[in-house]
Amino acid sequence: IARENQTNPLTMLRLITAPVQDGRLKRAIESE
């Protein structure tokens, strides 16, 4: 199954980083 369904640049999973909306959450992430 893995051999028959190889990933290429058109089908690869695109990972994103969601923007932080809350200032308190951003500060908590930075302090961690």
Full PDB file with SEQRES, HELIX, SHEET, SSBOND, CRYST1, ORIGX, SCALE, CONECT and MASTER records, all heavy atoms in Angstrom:
SEQRES   1 A   32  ILE ALA ARG GLU ASN GLN THR ASN PRO LEU THR MET LEU          
SEQRES   2 A   32  ARG LEU ILE THR ALA PRO VAL GLN ASP GLY ARG LEU LYS          
SEQRES   3 A   32  ARG ALA ILE GLU SER GLU                                      
HELIX    1 AA1 GLY A   23  SER A   31  1                                   9    
CRYST1    1.000    1.000    1.000  90.00  90.00  90.00 P 1           1          
ORIGX1      1.000000  0.000000  0.000000        0.00000                         
ORIGX2      0.000000  1.000000  0.000000        0.00000                         
ORIGX3      0.000000  0.000000  1.000000        0.00000                         
SCALE1      1.000000  0.000000  0.000000        0.00000                         
SCALE2      0.000000  1.000000  0.000000        0.00000                         
SCALE3      0.000000  0.000000  1.000000        0.00000                         
ATOM      1  N   ILE A   1       0.835  -1.198   0.000  1.00  0.00           N  
ATOM      2  CA  ILE A   1       0.000   0.000   0.000  1.00  0.00           C  
ATOM      3  C   ILE A   1       0.873   1.253   0.000  1.00  0.00           C  
ATOM      4  O   ILE A   1       0.628   2.197  -0.755  1.00  0.00           O  
ATOM      5  CB  ILE A   1      -0.954  -0.001   1.207  1.00  0.00           C  
ATOM      6  CG1 ILE A   1      -2.004  -1.093   1.046  1.00  0.00           C  
ATOM      7  CG2 ILE A   1      -1.618   1.358   1.380  1.00  0.00           C  
ATOM      8  CD1 ILE A   1      -2.840  -1.336   2.283  1.00  0.00           C  
ATOM      9  N   ALA A   2       1.908   1.266   0.821  1.00  0.00           N  
ATOM     10  CA  ALA A   2       2.798   2.430   0.872  1.00  0.00           C  
ATOM     11  C   ALA A   2       3.533   2.618  -0.444  1.00  0.00           C  
ATOM     12  O   ALA A   2       3.705   3.747  -0.924  1.00  0.00           O  
ATOM     13  CB  ALA A   2       3.797   2.264   2.022  1.00  0.00           C  
ATOM     14  N   ARG A   3       3.963   1.515  -1.061  1.00  0.00           N  
ATOM     15  CA  ARG A   3       4.684   1.595  -2.326  1.00  0.00           C  
ATOM     16  C   ARG A   3       3.787   2.140  -3.433  1.00  0.00           C  
ATOM     17  O   ARG A   3       4.215   2.908  -4.283  1.00  0.00           O  
ATOM     18  CB  ARG A   3       5.215   0.220  -2.713  1.00  0.00           C  
ATOM     19  CG  ARG A   3       6.168   0.265  -3.882  1.00  0.00           C  
ATOM     20  CD  ARG A   3       6.669  -1.110  -4.277  1.00  0.00           C  
ATOM     21  NE  ARG A   3       7.261  -1.810  -3.161  1.00  0.00           N  
ATOM     22  CZ  ARG A   3       7.167  -3.121  -2.980  1.00  0.00           C  
ATOM     23  NH1 ARG A   3       6.504  -3.868  -3.822  1.00  0.00           N  
ATOM     24  NH2 ARG A   3       7.744  -3.693  -1.947  1.00  0.00           N  
ATOM     25  N   GLU A   4       2.516   1.743  -3.437  1.00  0.00           N  
ATOM     26  CA  GLU A   4       1.586   2.168  -4.484  1.00  0.00           C  
ATOM     27  C   GLU A   4       1.061   3.595  -4.277  1.00  0.00           C  
ATOM     28  O   GLU A   4       0.498   4.184  -5.189  1.00  0.00           O  
ATOM     29  CB  GLU A   4       0.404   1.196  -4.549  1.00  0.00           C  
ATOM     30  CG  GLU A   4       0.792  -0.206  -4.948  1.00  0.00           C  
ATOM     31  CD  GLU A   4       1.386  -0.285  -6.345  1.00  0.00           C  
ATOM     32  OE1 GLU A   4       0.914   0.443  -7.236  1.00  0.00           O  
ATOM     33  OE2 GLU A   4       2.328  -1.072  -6.546  1.00  0.00           O  
ATOM     34  N   ASN A   5       1.219   4.150  -3.093  1.00  0.00           N  
ATOM     35  CA  ASN A   5       0.680   5.474  -2.786  1.00  0.00           C  
ATOM     36  C   ASN A   5       1.774   6.411  -2.296  1.00  0.00           C  
ATOM     37  O   ASN A   5       1.662   7.019  -1.229  1.00  0.00           O  
ATOM     38  CB  ASN A   5      -0.429   5.356  -1.731  1.00  0.00           C  
ATOM     39  CG  ASN A   5      -1.595   4.566  -2.233  1.00  0.00           C  
ATOM     40  OD1 ASN A   5      -2.282   5.004  -3.143  1.00  0.00           O  
ATOM     41  ND2 ASN A   5      -1.816   3.399  -1.669  1.00  0.00           N  
ATOM     42  N   GLN A   6       2.818   6.536  -3.075  1.00  0.00           N  
ATOM     43  CA  GLN A   6       3.930   7.389  -2.680  1.00  0.00           C  
ATOM     44  C   GLN A   6       3.536   8.865  -2.745  1.00  0.00           C  
ATOM     45  O   GLN A   6       2.691   9.257  -3.542  1.00  0.00           O  
ATOM     46  CB  GLN A   6       5.133   7.132  -3.575  1.00  0.00           C  
ATOM     47  CG  GLN A   6       5.703   5.748  -3.373  1.00  0.00           C  
ATOM     48  CD  GLN A   6       6.951   5.520  -4.193  1.00  0.00           C  
ATOM     49  OE1 GLN A   6       7.446   6.417  -4.852  1.00  0.00           O  
ATOM     50  NE2 GLN A   6       7.469   4.313  -4.149  1.00  0.00           N  
ATOM     51  N   THR A   7       4.177   9.647  -1.908  1.00  0.00           N  
ATOM     52  CA  THR A   7       3.908  11.073  -1.853  1.00  0.00           C  
ATOM     53  C   THR A   7       4.839  11.810  -2.806  1.00  0.00           C  
ATOM     54  O   THR A   7       5.997  11.457  -2.950  1.00  0.00           O  
ATOM     55  CB  THR A   7       4.143  11.595  -0.417  1.00  0.00           C  
ATOM     56  OG1 THR A   7       3.302  10.851   0.459  1.00  0.00           O  
ATOM     57  CG2 THR A   7       3.836  13.054  -0.295  1.00  0.00           C  
ATOM     58  N   ASN A   8       4.315  12.840  -3.443  1.00  0.00           N  
ATOM     59  CA  ASN A   8       5.123  13.697  -4.295  1.00  0.00           C  
ATOM     60  C   ASN A   8       4.846  15.142  -3.895  1.00  0.00           C  
ATOM     61  O   ASN A   8       3.988  15.398  -3.049  1.00  0.00           O  
ATOM     62  CB  ASN A   8       4.828  13.435  -5.780  1.00  0.00           C  
ATOM     63  CG  ASN A   8       3.391  13.730  -6.147  1.00  0.00           C  
ATOM     64  OD1 ASN A   8       2.820  14.731  -5.741  1.00  0.00           O  
ATOM     65  ND2 ASN A   8       2.799  12.844  -6.937  1.00  0.00           N  
ATOM     66  N   PRO A   9       5.549  16.121  -4.464  1.00  0.00           N  
ATOM     67  CA  PRO A   9       5.341  17.515  -4.042  1.00  0.00           C  
ATOM     68  C   PRO A   9       3.897  18.010  -4.209  1.00  0.00           C  
ATOM     69  O   PRO A   9       3.467  18.903  -3.494  1.00  0.00           O  
ATOM     70  CB  PRO A   9       6.287  18.305  -4.948  1.00  0.00           C  
ATOM     71  CG  PRO A   9       7.373  17.337  -5.270  1.00  0.00           C  
ATOM     72  CD  PRO A   9       6.694  15.996  -5.361  1.00  0.00           C  
ATOM     73  N   LEU A  10       3.137  17.412  -5.108  1.00  0.00           N  
ATOM     74  CA  LEU A  10       1.757  17.851  -5.291  1.00  0.00           C  
ATOM     75  C   LEU A  10       0.802  17.252  -4.258  1.00  0.00           C  
ATOM     76  O   LEU A  10      -0.229  17.842  -3.952  1.00  0.00           O  
ATOM     77  CB  LEU A  10       1.278  17.501  -6.704  1.00  0.00           C  
ATOM     78  CG  LEU A  10       2.034  18.192  -7.844  1.00  0.00           C  
ATOM     79  CD1 LEU A  10       1.547  17.666  -9.185  1.00  0.00           C  
ATOM     80  CD2 LEU A  10       1.872  19.688  -7.766  1.00  0.00           C  
ATOM     81  N   THR A  11       1.138  16.065  -3.728  1.00  0.00           N  
ATOM     82  CA  THR A  11       0.241  15.400  -2.792  1.00  0.00           C  
ATOM     83  C   THR A  11       0.750  15.408  -1.352  1.00  0.00           C  
ATOM     84  O   THR A  11       0.110  14.827  -0.484  1.00  0.00           O  
ATOM     85  CB  THR A  11       0.018  13.935  -3.218  1.00  0.00           C  
ATOM     86  OG1 THR A  11       1.274  13.262  -3.200  1.00  0.00           O  
ATOM     87  CG2 THR A  11      -0.614  13.852  -4.580  1.00  0.00           C  
ATOM     88  N   MET A  12       1.865  16.057  -1.102  1.00  0.00           N  
ATOM     89  CA  MET A  12       2.430  16.032   0.249  1.00  0.00           C  
ATOM     90  C   MET A  12       1.560  16.813   1.230  1.00  0.00           C  
ATOM     91  O   MET A  12       0.808  17.715   0.853  1.00  0.00           O  
ATOM     92  CB  MET A  12       3.847  16.601   0.247  1.00  0.00           C  
ATOM     93  CG  MET A  12       3.933  18.069   0.018  1.00  0.00           C  
ATOM     94  SD  MET A  12       5.666  18.564   0.000  1.00  0.00           S  
ATOM     95  CE  MET A  12       5.470  20.314  -0.075  1.00  0.00           C  
ATOM     96  N   LEU A  13       1.668  16.462   2.488  1.00  0.00           N  
ATOM     97  CA  LEU A  13       0.948  17.140   3.544  1.00  0.00           C  
ATOM     98  C   LEU A  13       1.620  18.481   3.807  1.00  0.00           C  
ATOM     99  O   LEU A  13       2.817  18.545   4.073  1.00  0.00           O  
ATOM    100  CB  LEU A  13       0.964  16.287   4.811  1.00  0.00           C  
ATOM    101  CG  LEU A  13       0.283  16.867   6.035  1.00  0.00           C  
ATOM    102  CD1 LEU A  13      -1.214  17.053   5.755  1.00  0.00           C  
ATOM    103  CD2 LEU A  13       0.482  15.952   7.222  1.00  0.00           C  
ATOM    104  N   ARG A  14       0.852  19.533   3.740  1.00  0.00           N  
ATOM    105  CA  ARG A  14       1.394  20.871   3.979  1.00  0.00           C  
ATOM    106  C   ARG A  14       1.090  21.266   5.421  1.00  0.00           C  
ATOM    107  O   ARG A  14      -0.069  21.430   5.792  1.00  0.00           O  
ATOM    108  CB  ARG A  14       0.794  21.859   2.995  1.00  0.00           C  
ATOM    109  CG  ARG A  14       1.318  21.630   1.593  1.00  0.00           C  
ATOM    110  CD  ARG A  14       0.630  22.531   0.593  1.00  0.00           C  
ATOM    111  NE  ARG A  14       1.155  22.322  -0.744  1.00  0.00           N  
ATOM    112  CZ  ARG A  14       0.779  21.336  -1.551  1.00  0.00           C  
ATOM    113  NH1 ARG A  14      -0.114  20.464  -1.150  1.00  0.00           N  
ATOM    114  NH2 ARG A  14       1.302  21.219  -2.753  1.00  0.00           N  
ATOM    115  N   LEU A  15       2.137  21.394   6.204  1.00  0.00           N  
ATOM    116  CA  LEU A  15       1.983  21.750   7.601  1.00  0.00           C  
ATOM    117  C   LEU A  15       2.013  23.267   7.745  1.00  0.00           C  
ATOM    118  O   LEU A  15       2.821  23.939   7.110  1.00  0.00           O  
ATOM    119  CB  LEU A  15       3.097  21.116   8.434  1.00  0.00           C  
ATOM    120  CG  LEU A  15       3.177  19.585   8.338  1.00  0.00           C  
ATOM    121  CD1 LEU A  15       4.375  19.087   9.111  1.00  0.00           C  
ATOM    122  CD2 LEU A  15       1.910  18.964   8.855  1.00  0.00           C  
ATOM    123  N   ILE A  16       1.146  23.777   8.575  1.00  0.00           N  
ATOM    124  CA  ILE A  16       1.105  25.221   8.804  1.00  0.00           C  
ATOM    125  C   ILE A  16       1.246  25.496  10.288  1.00  0.00           C  
ATOM    126  O   ILE A  16       0.998  24.629  11.118  1.00  0.00           O  
ATOM    127  CB  ILE A  16      -0.211  25.843   8.278  1.00  0.00           C  
ATOM    128  CG1 ILE A  16      -1.404  25.263   9.039  1.00  0.00           C  
ATOM    129  CG2 ILE A  16      -0.363  25.635   6.788  1.00  0.00           C  
ATOM    130  CD1 ILE A  16      -2.691  26.012   8.826  1.00  0.00           C  
ATOM    131  N   THR A  17       1.617  26.706  10.615  1.00  0.00           N  
ATOM    132  CA  THR A  17       1.634  27.161  11.988  1.00  0.00           C  
ATOM    133  C   THR A  17       0.552  28.221  12.120  1.00  0.00           C  
ATOM    134  O   THR A  17       0.626  29.266  11.467  1.00  0.00           O  
ATOM    135  CB  THR A  17       3.005  27.759  12.359  1.00  0.00           C  
ATOM    136  OG1 THR A  17       4.002  26.758  12.126  1.00  0.00           O  
ATOM    137  CG2 THR A  17       3.035  28.197  13.797  1.00  0.00           C  
ATOM    138  N   ALA A  18      -0.448  27.922  12.926  1.00  0.00           N  
ATOM    139  CA  ALA A  18      -1.553  28.863  13.094  1.00  0.00           C  
ATOM    140  C   ALA A  18      -1.070  30.073  13.889  1.00  0.00           C  
ATOM    141  O   ALA A  18      -0.300  29.931  14.844  1.00  0.00           O  
ATOM    142  CB  ALA A  18      -2.704  28.192  13.816  1.00  0.00           C  
ATOM    143  N   PRO A  19      -1.498  31.260  13.523  1.00  0.00           N  
ATOM    144  CA  PRO A  19      -1.081  32.452  14.267  1.00  0.00           C  
ATOM    145  C   PRO A  19      -1.697  32.453  15.661  1.00  0.00           C  
ATOM    146  O   PRO A  19      -2.819  31.989  15.869  1.00  0.00           O  
ATOM    147  CB  PRO A  19      -1.621  33.608  13.420  1.00  0.00           C  
ATOM    148  CG  PRO A  19      -2.721  33.013  12.618  1.00  0.00           C  
ATOM    149  CD  PRO A  19      -2.367  31.571  12.402  1.00  0.00           C  
ATOM    150  N   VAL A  20      -0.963  32.960  16.616  1.00  0.00           N  
ATOM    151  CA  VAL A  20      -1.441  33.043  17.992  1.00  0.00           C  
ATOM    152  C   VAL A  20      -2.294  34.300  18.117  1.00  0.00           C  
ATOM    153  O   VAL A  20      -1.831  35.404  17.849  1.00  0.00           O  
ATOM    154  CB  VAL A  20      -0.254  33.071  18.979  1.00  0.00           C  
ATOM    155  CG1 VAL A  20      -0.741  33.226  20.394  1.00  0.00           C  
ATOM    156  CG2 VAL A  20       0.574  31.818  18.826  1.00  0.00           C  
ATOM    157  N   GLN A  21      -3.547  34.132  18.528  1.00  0.00           N  
ATOM    158  CA  GLN A  21      -4.473  35.253  18.625  1.00  0.00           C  
ATOM    159  C   GLN A  21      -4.453  35.905  20.002  1.00  0.00           C  
ATOM    160  O   GLN A  21      -4.653  37.101  20.121  1.00  0.00           O  
ATOM    161  CB  GLN A  21      -5.896  34.774  18.307  1.00  0.00           C  
ATOM    162  CG  GLN A  21      -6.043  34.214  16.919  1.00  0.00           C  
ATOM    163  CD  GLN A  21      -5.813  35.258  15.835  1.00  0.00           C  
ATOM    164  OE1 GLN A  21      -6.119  36.428  16.008  1.00  0.00           O  
ATOM    165  NE2 GLN A  21      -5.247  34.841  14.721  1.00  0.00           N  
ATOM    166  N   ASP A  22      -4.246  35.130  21.030  1.00  0.00           N  
ATOM    167  CA  ASP A  22      -4.321  35.637  22.393  1.00  0.00           C  
ATOM    168  C   ASP A  22      -2.926  36.005  22.894  1.00  0.00           C  
ATOM    169  O   ASP A  22      -2.008  35.199  22.838  1.00  0.00           O  
ATOM    170  CB  ASP A  22      -4.944  34.573  23.283  1.00  0.00           C  
ATOM    171  CG  ASP A  22      -5.258  35.069  24.674  1.00  0.00           C  
ATOM    172  OD1 ASP A  22      -5.020  36.255  24.957  1.00  0.00           O  
ATOM    173  OD2 ASP A  22      -5.739  34.259  25.491  1.00  0.00           O  
ATOM    174  N   GLY A  23      -2.768  37.218  23.395  1.00  0.00           N  
ATOM    175  CA  GLY A  23      -1.476  37.672  23.900  1.00  0.00           C  
ATOM    176  C   GLY A  23      -1.000  36.850  25.078  1.00  0.00           C  
ATOM    177  O   GLY A  23       0.190  36.585  25.225  1.00  0.00           O  
ATOM    178  N   ARG A  24      -1.937  36.428  25.967  1.00  0.00           N  
ATOM    179  CA  ARG A  24      -1.541  35.610  27.119  1.00  0.00           C  
ATOM    180  C   ARG A  24      -0.995  34.258  26.661  1.00  0.00           C  
ATOM    181  O   ARG A  24      -0.011  33.775  27.202  1.00  0.00           O  
ATOM    182  CB  ARG A  24      -2.730  35.390  28.041  1.00  0.00           C  
ATOM    183  CG  ARG A  24      -3.147  36.661  28.778  1.00  0.00           C  
ATOM    184  CD  ARG A  24      -4.349  36.406  29.613  1.00  0.00           C  
ATOM    185  NE  ARG A  24      -5.453  36.116  28.679  1.00  0.00           N  
ATOM    186  CZ  ARG A  24      -6.644  35.680  29.042  1.00  0.00           C  
ATOM    187  NH1 ARG A  24      -6.910  35.454  30.295  1.00  0.00           N  
ATOM    188  NH2 ARG A  24      -7.581  35.462  28.141  1.00  0.00           N  
ATOM    189  N   LEU A  25      -1.640  33.681  25.654  1.00  0.00           N  
ATOM    190  CA  LEU A  25      -1.167  32.396  25.135  1.00  0.00           C  
ATOM    191  C   LEU A  25       0.213  32.547  24.506  1.00  0.00           C  
ATOM    192  O   LEU A  25       1.100  31.724  24.703  1.00  0.00           O  
ATOM    193  CB  LEU A  25      -2.162  31.839  24.114  1.00  0.00           C  
ATOM    194  CG  LEU A  25      -1.807  30.497  23.485  1.00  0.00           C  
ATOM    195  CD1 LEU A  25      -1.677  29.422  24.552  1.00  0.00           C  
ATOM    196  CD2 LEU A  25      -2.848  30.113  22.465  1.00  0.00           C  
ATOM    197  N   LYS A  26       0.424  33.626  23.777  1.00  0.00           N  
ATOM    198  CA  LYS A  26       1.728  33.871  23.147  1.00  0.00           C  
ATOM    199  C   LYS A  26       2.820  34.003  24.202  1.00  0.00           C  
ATOM    200  O   LYS A  26       3.899  33.436  24.075  1.00  0.00           O  
ATOM    201  CB  LYS A  26       1.650  35.125  22.281  1.00  0.00           C  
ATOM    202  CG  LYS A  26       2.908  35.397  21.503  1.00  0.00           C  
ATOM    203  CD  LYS A  26       2.741  36.592  20.599  1.00  0.00           C  
ATOM    204  CE  LYS A  26       4.010  36.847  19.813  1.00  0.00           C  
ATOM    205  NZ  LYS A  26       3.895  37.985  18.921  1.00  0.00           N  
ATOM    206  N   ARG A  27       2.533  34.758  25.272  1.00  0.00           N  
ATOM    207  CA  ARG A  27       3.523  34.922  26.346  1.00  0.00           C  
ATOM    208  C   ARG A  27       3.801  33.589  27.038  1.00  0.00           C  
ATOM    209  O   ARG A  27       4.935  33.292  27.399  1.00  0.00           O  
ATOM    210  CB  ARG A  27       3.042  35.973  27.347  1.00  0.00           C  
ATOM    211  CG  ARG A  27       3.156  37.388  26.826  1.00  0.00           C  
ATOM    212  CD  ARG A  27       2.902  38.411  27.931  1.00  0.00           C  
ATOM    213  NE  ARG A  27       1.560  38.311  28.505  1.00  0.00           N  
ATOM    214  CZ  ARG A  27       0.452  38.880  28.003  1.00  0.00           C  
ATOM    215  NH1 ARG A  27       0.537  39.601  26.905  1.00  0.00           N  
ATOM    216  NH2 ARG A  27      -0.711  38.740  28.598  1.00  0.00           N  
ATOM    217  N   ALA A  28       2.774  32.762  27.217  1.00  0.00           N  
ATOM    218  CA  ALA A  28       2.960  31.463  27.865  1.00  0.00           C  
ATOM    219  C   ALA A  28       3.844  30.563  27.013  1.00  0.00           C  
ATOM    220  O   ALA A  28       4.721  29.869  27.527  1.00  0.00           O  
ATOM    221  CB  ALA A  28       1.607  30.803  28.108  1.00  0.00           C  
ATOM    222  N   ILE A  29       3.628  30.590  25.710  1.00  0.00           N  
ATOM    223  CA  ILE A  29       4.448  29.785  24.813  1.00  0.00           C  
ATOM    224  C   ILE A  29       5.893  30.261  24.836  1.00  0.00           C  
ATOM    225  O   ILE A  29       6.829  29.468  24.880  1.00  0.00           O  
ATOM    226  CB  ILE A  29       3.866  29.812  23.380  1.00  0.00           C  
ATOM    227  CG1 ILE A  29       2.539  29.056  23.349  1.00  0.00           C  
ATOM    228  CG2 ILE A  29       4.849  29.217  22.384  1.00  0.00           C  
ATOM    229  CD1 ILE A  29       1.784  29.197  22.055  1.00  0.00           C  
ATOM    230  N   GLU A  30       6.088  31.575  24.815  1.00  0.00           N  
ATOM    231  CA  GLU A  30       7.449  32.118  24.835  1.00  0.00           C  
ATOM    232  C   GLU A  30       8.146  31.804  26.145  1.00  0.00           C  
ATOM    233  O   GLU A  30       9.337  31.492  26.166  1.00  0.00           O  
ATOM    234  CB  GLU A  30       7.406  33.619  24.589  1.00  0.00           C  
ATOM    235  CG  GLU A  30       7.045  33.987  23.172  1.00  0.00           C  
ATOM    236  CD  GLU A  30       6.796  35.477  22.993  1.00  0.00           C  
ATOM    237  OE1 GLU A  30       6.757  36.214  24.000  1.00  0.00           O  
ATOM    238  OE2 GLU A  30       6.629  35.886  21.837  1.00  0.00           O  
ATOM    239  N   SER A  31       7.437  31.880  27.277  1.00  0.00           N  
ATOM    240  CA  SER A  31       8.076  31.602  28.563  1.00  0.00           C  
ATOM    241  C   SER A  31       8.401  30.118  28.697  1.00  0.00           C  
ATOM    242  O   SER A  31       9.396  29.749  29.301  1.00  0.00           O  
ATOM    243  CB  SER A  31       7.186  32.048  29.718  1.00  0.00           C  
ATOM    244  OG  SER A  31       6.016  31.256  29.782  1.00  0.00           O  
ATOM    245  N   GLU A  32       7.570  29.261  28.105  1.00  0.00           N  
ATOM    246  CA  GLU A  32       7.849  27.826  28.144  1.00  0.00           C  
ATOM    247  C   GLU A  32       9.074  27.488  27.303  1.00  0.00           C  
ATOM    248  O   GLU A  32       9.882  26.653  27.654  1.00  0.00           O  
ATOM    249  CB  GLU A  32       6.642  27.040  27.632  1.00  0.00           C  
ATOM    250  CG  GLU A  32       6.782  25.549  27.800  1.00  0.00           C  
ATOM    251  CD  GLU A  32       5.518  24.831  27.391  1.00  0.00           C  
ATOM    252  OE1 GLU A  32       4.460  25.129  27.943  1.00  0.00           O  
ATOM    253  OE2 GLU A  32       5.621  23.965  26.508  1.00  0.00           O  
TER     254      GLU A  32                                                      
MASTER        0    0    0    1    0    0    0    6  253    1    0    3          
END                                                                             
